[in-house]
Protein backbone atom coordinates (compact mmCIF):
# COMPACT_ATOMS: atom_id res chain seq x y z
CA MET A 1 66.02 -74.01 103.93
CA ASN A 2 66.86 -70.54 103.23
CA ASP A 3 67.18 -68.54 105.53
CA SER A 4 66.35 -65.49 103.86
CA PRO A 5 63.59 -65.14 101.32
CA PHE A 6 64.74 -62.88 98.19
CA ILE A 7 64.78 -58.94 99.54
CA PRO A 8 64.42 -56.96 96.31
CA ALA A 9 66.20 -53.47 97.01
CA PRO A 10 63.77 -50.14 97.42
CA ASP A 11 62.48 -48.94 93.94
CA THR A 12 64.79 -45.51 93.92
CA ALA A 13 62.79 -44.26 91.43
CA CYS A 14 59.84 -43.73 92.87
CA ALA A 15 61.80 -42.21 95.72
CA GLU A 16 62.94 -40.12 94.20
CA ARG A 17 59.52 -38.98 91.95
CA VAL A 18 58.65 -38.45 96.23
CA GLY A 19 61.42 -36.54 96.70
CA ARG A 20 60.71 -33.78 93.54
CA HIS A 21 56.71 -33.98 94.79
CA LEU A 22 57.88 -32.77 98.14
CA ALA A 23 59.26 -29.62 97.51
CA THR A 24 56.03 -28.25 95.62
CA LEU A 25 53.99 -28.57 98.73
CA THR A 26 52.99 -25.77 100.32
CA LYS A 27 56.34 -25.32 102.73
CA PRO A 28 59.12 -24.12 102.57
CA PRO A 29 62.03 -27.31 101.50
CA GLY A 30 62.59 -29.38 104.14
CA SER A 31 61.13 -27.90 107.07
CA LEU A 32 58.77 -30.90 107.97
CA GLY A 33 62.10 -32.38 108.56
CA ARG A 34 62.87 -36.16 108.92
CA LEU A 35 59.10 -36.69 107.86
CA GLU A 36 59.95 -35.31 104.73
CA ALA A 37 62.91 -37.94 104.59
CA LEU A 38 60.19 -41.18 106.50
CA ALA A 39 58.20 -39.67 103.17
CA VAL A 40 61.04 -40.59 100.80
CA SER A 41 62.33 -44.17 102.50
CA LEU A 42 58.88 -45.67 103.10
CA ALA A 43 57.83 -45.03 99.09
CA GLY A 44 61.17 -46.64 97.38
CA LEU A 45 60.21 -49.61 100.05
CA THR A 46 56.52 -49.67 98.98
CA GLY A 47 57.49 -48.80 95.19
CA GLU A 48 54.33 -46.51 95.34
CA ASP A 49 53.84 -42.78 95.38
CA PHE A 50 51.79 -42.51 97.44
CA PRO A 51 52.83 -45.01 100.23
CA ARG A 52 50.59 -46.75 102.48
CA VAL A 53 50.92 -48.37 106.01
CA THR A 54 47.34 -48.84 107.68
CA PRO A 55 46.43 -51.11 108.62
CA PRO A 56 49.06 -52.04 110.89
CA GLY A 57 50.23 -55.54 111.46
CA VAL A 58 51.20 -56.41 116.09
CA VAL A 59 53.42 -59.32 116.33
CA VAL A 60 53.74 -60.90 119.57
CA PHE A 61 56.11 -63.85 119.70
CA ALA A 62 56.56 -65.91 123.15
CA ALA A 63 58.95 -68.40 124.18
CA ASP A 64 60.83 -69.31 127.73
CA HIS A 65 64.50 -69.15 127.84
CA GLY A 66 66.43 -71.82 130.20
CA VAL A 67 68.25 -69.48 131.89
CA ALA A 68 65.83 -67.71 134.05
CA GLU A 69 66.91 -71.09 136.40
CA GLU A 70 70.07 -68.73 137.02
CA GLY A 71 67.75 -66.25 138.17
CA VAL A 72 68.50 -62.75 135.97
CA SER A 73 65.23 -62.09 136.24
CA ALA A 74 62.97 -60.03 138.59
CA PHE A 75 60.09 -62.06 137.52
CA PRO A 76 59.95 -66.06 137.39
CA GLN A 77 59.02 -67.71 134.38
CA ALA A 78 55.74 -68.55 134.92
CA VAL A 79 55.05 -64.85 133.98
CA THR A 80 55.66 -65.50 130.56
CA ALA A 81 52.77 -67.92 129.86
CA GLN A 82 50.85 -65.47 132.66
CA MET A 83 51.65 -63.34 129.38
CA VAL A 84 50.48 -64.62 127.43
CA ALA A 85 47.48 -64.96 128.60
CA ASN A 86 46.88 -61.15 128.95
CA PHE A 87 47.19 -60.75 125.71
CA VAL A 88 44.73 -63.12 124.69
CA ALA A 89 42.29 -61.16 127.46
CA GLY A 90 43.25 -57.88 125.80
CA GLY A 91 45.09 -56.62 128.32
CA ALA A 92 48.11 -56.05 128.11
CA ALA A 93 50.52 -52.58 127.08
CA ILE A 94 50.46 -53.54 123.16
CA ASN A 95 46.65 -54.55 123.15
CA VAL A 96 45.64 -50.94 124.31
CA PHE A 97 48.60 -49.40 121.77
CA ALA A 98 47.29 -51.53 119.22
CA ARG A 99 43.51 -50.93 119.30
CA ARG A 100 44.10 -47.02 119.00
CA ILE A 101 46.21 -47.75 115.76
CA GLY A 102 43.56 -49.69 114.32
CA ALA A 103 46.42 -52.67 114.31
CA ARG A 104 46.06 -56.48 113.73
CA LEU A 105 47.29 -58.28 116.66
CA GLU A 106 48.08 -61.94 116.68
CA VAL A 107 49.80 -63.94 119.64
CA VAL A 108 52.44 -66.77 118.60
CA ASP A 109 53.27 -69.38 120.96
CA VAL A 110 57.15 -70.38 119.43
CA GLY A 111 58.19 -71.78 122.96
CA VAL A 112 55.85 -71.30 125.79
CA ALA A 113 56.77 -73.73 128.33
CA GLY A 114 54.34 -73.22 130.49
CA ASP A 115 50.40 -74.47 129.61
CA LEU A 116 48.89 -72.06 127.68
CA PRO A 117 44.95 -70.72 126.00
CA ALA A 118 43.86 -72.79 123.53
CA GLN A 119 42.05 -69.91 121.83
CA GLY A 120 43.21 -66.73 120.81
CA ILE A 121 47.16 -67.26 120.25
CA VAL A 122 48.71 -69.06 116.84
CA HIS A 123 50.30 -72.44 118.34
CA ASP A 124 53.92 -72.31 115.79
CA LYS A 125 55.90 -74.05 119.42
CA VAL A 126 59.13 -74.89 117.84
CA ARG A 127 60.21 -76.71 121.86
CA PRO A 128 58.75 -75.34 125.21
CA GLY A 129 61.63 -72.76 126.07
CA THR A 130 65.56 -72.93 125.34
CA ALA A 131 68.03 -74.20 127.89
CA ASN A 132 69.81 -73.05 129.72
CA LEU A 133 72.65 -70.94 127.67
CA ALA A 134 75.19 -70.82 130.59
CA ARG A 135 75.24 -74.99 130.76
CA GLN A 136 74.94 -75.69 127.33
CA ASP A 137 73.56 -73.80 124.17
CA ALA A 138 70.15 -72.51 123.66
CA MET A 139 68.77 -74.71 121.09
CA SER A 140 70.37 -76.21 117.90
CA ARG A 141 71.17 -75.23 114.49
CA ASP A 142 67.97 -76.65 112.90
CA GLU A 143 65.83 -75.21 115.76
CA ALA A 144 66.97 -71.91 114.94
CA ARG A 145 65.91 -72.43 111.51
CA THR A 146 62.42 -73.73 112.47
CA ALA A 147 61.97 -70.44 115.16
CA LEU A 148 63.13 -68.51 111.43
CA ALA A 149 60.22 -70.91 109.82
CA VAL A 150 57.70 -69.24 112.30
CA GLY A 151 58.93 -66.15 111.96
CA ARG A 152 58.38 -66.05 108.20
CA ARG A 153 55.24 -67.94 108.45
CA ALA A 154 53.65 -64.95 110.87
CA ALA A 155 54.72 -62.12 108.54
CA GLY A 156 53.12 -63.65 105.56
CA ARG A 157 49.86 -63.98 107.35
CA ALA A 158 50.08 -60.76 108.31
CA ALA A 159 50.72 -59.58 104.56
CA GLU A 160 47.88 -61.92 102.91
CA ALA A 161 45.04 -60.27 105.43
CA GLY A 162 45.76 -57.24 104.42
CA CYS A 163 48.38 -55.46 106.53
CA ARG A 164 50.67 -53.13 105.12
CA CYS A 165 53.72 -52.33 107.70
CA LEU A 166 54.59 -54.40 110.12
CA ILE A 167 55.49 -54.26 113.85
CA VAL A 168 57.27 -57.07 116.27
CA GLY A 169 57.09 -57.25 119.62
CA GLU A 170 57.75 -60.29 121.61
CA MET A 171 57.71 -61.75 125.33
CA GLY A 172 60.17 -64.11 127.06
CA ILE A 173 61.53 -64.27 130.30
CA ALA A 174 65.22 -63.62 130.03
CA ASN A 175 65.16 -62.38 126.74
CA THR A 176 67.10 -59.98 128.08
CA THR A 177 69.62 -61.58 129.13
CA ALA A 178 69.71 -63.66 126.13
CA SER A 179 69.85 -60.29 123.78
CA SER A 180 73.08 -59.25 125.25
CA ALA A 181 74.60 -62.74 125.01
CA MET A 182 74.13 -62.33 121.75
CA LEU A 183 74.97 -58.42 121.01
CA ALA A 184 78.40 -58.92 123.13
CA ALA A 185 78.44 -62.07 120.57
CA PHE A 186 78.14 -59.55 117.85
CA THR A 187 79.95 -56.18 118.38
CA GLY A 188 82.43 -57.98 121.24
CA ALA A 189 81.40 -54.62 123.18
CA SER A 190 82.13 -55.57 127.07
CA VAL A 191 79.15 -57.20 128.32
CA ALA A 192 79.29 -54.13 131.41
CA GLU A 193 78.45 -51.95 128.82
CA LEU A 194 75.69 -53.58 127.50
CA VAL A 195 73.82 -55.27 129.98
CA GLY A 196 71.02 -53.27 132.24
CA PRO A 197 68.14 -54.07 134.61
CA GLY A 198 65.99 -55.95 131.82
CA THR A 199 62.37 -56.72 134.47
CA GLY A 200 64.37 -54.47 137.23
CA VAL A 201 67.42 -56.53 138.28
CA VAL A 202 69.80 -53.65 140.24
CA GLY A 203 72.76 -54.02 142.90
CA GLU A 204 73.96 -57.30 143.20
CA ALA A 205 71.02 -59.35 140.77
CA LEU A 206 72.44 -57.29 138.70
CA ALA A 207 75.76 -57.98 138.79
CA HIS A 208 75.02 -61.48 138.45
CA LYS A 209 73.64 -61.37 135.66
CA ARG A 210 76.34 -59.75 133.90
CA THR A 211 78.15 -62.68 135.72
CA VAL A 212 76.57 -64.90 134.13
CA ILE A 213 76.57 -63.73 130.48
CA GLU A 214 79.74 -62.90 130.65
CA ALA A 215 80.23 -67.34 131.55
CA ALA A 216 78.18 -68.35 128.96
CA LEU A 217 80.62 -66.24 126.12
CA ALA A 218 83.52 -68.42 127.42
CA GLU A 219 81.76 -71.21 128.02
CA ARG A 220 79.93 -70.87 124.03
CA ALA A 221 82.33 -68.77 122.22
CA PRO A 222 79.48 -68.20 119.44
CA ASP A 223 81.14 -67.82 116.16
CA PRO A 224 80.45 -63.83 115.14
CA ALA A 225 80.63 -64.12 111.64
CA GLU A 226 77.98 -67.00 111.53
CA PRO A 227 75.00 -65.17 112.91
CA LEU A 228 73.09 -68.72 113.33
CA ASP A 229 75.77 -69.96 115.19
CA VAL A 230 74.92 -67.13 117.60
CA LEU A 231 71.24 -67.86 117.58
CA ALA A 232 72.23 -70.80 118.49
CA ARG A 233 74.51 -71.37 121.21
CA LEU A 234 73.02 -67.52 122.90
CA GLY A 235 69.36 -66.62 121.69
CA GLY A 236 65.70 -67.32 121.79
CA LEU A 237 62.50 -68.87 119.93
CA GLU A 238 61.32 -65.65 119.94
CA ILE A 239 64.47 -64.07 118.56
CA ALA A 240 64.73 -66.22 116.12
CA ALA A 241 61.32 -65.81 115.33
CA MET A 242 61.42 -62.08 115.10
CA ALA A 243 63.91 -62.15 112.82
CA GLY A 244 62.44 -64.51 110.32
CA ALA A 245 59.52 -61.93 110.10
CA TYR A 246 61.87 -58.93 109.41
CA LEU A 247 63.61 -60.94 106.50
CA GLU A 248 59.96 -62.07 105.66
CA ALA A 249 57.20 -58.50 105.52
CA ALA A 250 60.64 -57.34 103.21
CA ALA A 251 60.29 -59.86 101.28
CA ARG A 252 56.78 -58.95 100.20
CA ARG A 253 58.12 -54.97 100.95
CA MET A 254 56.07 -54.47 104.10
CA PRO A 255 57.86 -51.38 106.09
CA ILE A 256 58.94 -52.70 109.65
CA LEU A 257 58.85 -50.80 112.54
CA VAL A 258 61.07 -52.11 114.77
CA ASP A 259 60.20 -52.60 118.72
CA GLY A 260 63.06 -52.43 121.83
CA PHE A 261 66.60 -54.14 122.30
CA ILE A 262 65.05 -57.34 122.27
CA ALA A 263 63.65 -56.31 118.51
CA THR A 264 67.09 -54.63 117.68
CA VAL A 265 68.84 -56.68 118.53
CA ALA A 266 66.35 -59.56 116.68
CA ALA A 267 67.13 -56.42 113.53
CA LEU A 268 71.05 -57.13 113.94
CA THR A 269 70.64 -60.72 113.37
CA ALA A 270 68.47 -61.19 110.25
CA CYS A 271 70.72 -58.32 109.21
CA ARG A 272 73.75 -60.37 109.69
CA LEU A 273 71.99 -63.46 107.73
CA ASP A 274 70.85 -61.03 104.89
CA PRO A 275 72.24 -57.38 104.85
CA ALA A 276 69.68 -56.74 102.38
CA LEU A 277 66.98 -56.35 104.95
CA ARG A 278 68.66 -53.07 106.54
CA PRO A 279 66.46 -50.87 104.72
CA TYR A 280 63.25 -51.93 105.31
CA LEU A 281 63.89 -51.48 108.89
CA ILE A 282 62.68 -48.02 110.46
CA PHE A 283 63.30 -47.81 114.00
CA GLY A 284 60.17 -47.18 116.39
CA HIS A 285 62.49 -45.64 119.61
CA ARG A 286 65.42 -45.81 121.50
CA SER A 287 64.52 -48.08 124.53
CA HIS A 288 65.74 -47.85 128.16
CA GLU A 289 68.56 -50.74 128.14
CA PRO A 290 71.78 -49.86 128.37
CA GLY A 291 72.64 -52.03 125.48
CA HIS A 292 70.27 -50.74 122.97
CA GLY A 293 72.05 -47.67 121.73
CA ARG A 294 74.96 -50.13 120.38
CA ALA A 295 72.84 -51.57 118.85
CA LEU A 296 71.45 -48.67 116.52
CA ALA A 297 74.96 -47.20 116.70
CA VAL A 298 75.90 -50.92 115.14
CA LEU A 299 72.74 -50.86 112.09
CA ASP A 300 73.91 -46.39 111.48
CA ALA A 301 70.17 -46.41 113.10
CA GLU A 302 68.45 -43.89 114.31
CA PRO A 303 64.77 -44.31 116.20
CA LEU A 304 62.11 -42.17 115.82
CA LEU A 305 60.73 -41.14 119.87
CA ASP A 306 62.75 -41.93 123.01
CA LEU A 307 60.61 -41.50 125.57
CA ASP A 308 62.62 -44.35 128.38
CA LEU A 309 60.83 -47.16 127.02
CA ARG A 310 62.20 -50.85 128.17
CA LEU A 311 58.35 -52.94 128.58
CA GLY A 312 58.61 -54.80 125.02
CA GLU A 313 55.55 -56.36 123.52
CA GLY A 314 56.16 -53.88 120.89
CA THR A 315 54.56 -51.30 122.34
CA GLY A 316 57.90 -48.41 121.66
CA ALA A 317 56.65 -49.55 117.92
CA ALA A 318 53.61 -49.20 118.01
CA LEU A 319 53.55 -45.77 119.51
CA ALA A 320 55.88 -43.71 116.64
CA PHE A 321 53.04 -45.62 113.82
CA PRO A 322 50.93 -42.40 114.18
CA LEU A 323 54.68 -40.63 112.57
CA LEU A 324 54.27 -43.22 109.62
CA GLU A 325 50.94 -42.03 108.70
CA ALA A 326 51.33 -38.54 109.42
CA ALA A 327 53.84 -39.22 106.51
CA THR A 328 51.98 -40.77 104.58
CA ALA A 329 48.99 -38.31 104.73
CA MET A 330 51.85 -35.00 103.76
CA LEU A 331 52.45 -37.06 100.43
CA ALA A 332 48.51 -38.05 99.57
CA GLU A 333 46.51 -34.02 101.21
CA MET A 334 48.52 -31.64 101.43
CA ALA A 335 48.38 -29.22 98.98
CA THR A 336 51.08 -27.82 96.52
CA PHE A 337 51.40 -24.66 95.25
CA ALA A 338 50.59 -24.18 91.98
CA GLU A 339 47.13 -26.11 93.61
CA ALA A 340 47.15 -22.89 96.53
CA GLY A 341 47.92 -20.83 93.91
CA ILE A 342 50.41 -19.47 96.22
CA ASP A 343 53.40 -18.24 94.89
CA ASP A 344 56.62 -20.13 95.00
CA ARG A 345 59.79 -18.36 94.07
CA PRO A 346 61.73 -17.54 96.75
CA GLU A 347 62.06 -13.39 96.90
CA GLY A 348 65.82 -11.78 95.53
């Protein structure tokens, strides 16, 4: 199986037309700052002079991590399944934010170890959680590929349901450990620089988390030039599924709003699998997790918001979505100087 579908290049001619249209609107040139650049980008990605991003699709992938056995999280592994039940009941933060933006929300079990409700979930489990990456490879390459395919199917369902933009979230106790290990492998950065509190580990517990990751990196020794190797040895099933969803969404010319630290590590993995993905990624926010800044820098990304969030689930991306709506509404609804009868010639 090809790990990435064909991703078309952005439509530069469309983006240029939109840039010229922006210059005719009733405002000083560039006065709406990054919102104008966002509008041009959305036009190029979708190939539409007046792009649409509504309705958005939110997909939350859930999976467990064997490394939770090492005590790297403030919460027990059972919380993954409990939170998935909360998603199904509509009580999580992402449920609240998804409702506010009118999003289609889908929850996908790609690797939860516990029992889950039969209804309200897409059951597409690769295996019940990864192995403990501190002691063995998290998964096989074939399992990583299968999880990538889970994500591609989910993005395809969102597109076929009429979604015009994709937000991808995650749930998995200990997934900041896996993400930090992957980021260290890809970048060569020190673990101390990247690893943060995740669910709230501090002091000796945080030092232990760093030690576990350092030992795993030394033992697993993945090849940073082989993204599938890094993903299989150190990653998570939900991280792989997120990467697959990004790739499929881009293949369908869907703009992607990237969430926080774990989502950005998944995006980095997907970009290493296929660099053609990068233009389709719009980064919703800057997480409070220290490693997120490094991951954003590697991807040359400037997020839309900075609210000290570190929840995951897709929440930060959902909060940023109204900015995409505003950019598209500006293009479609704002009057030109000619329409408003305003002289747009500079004085002097």
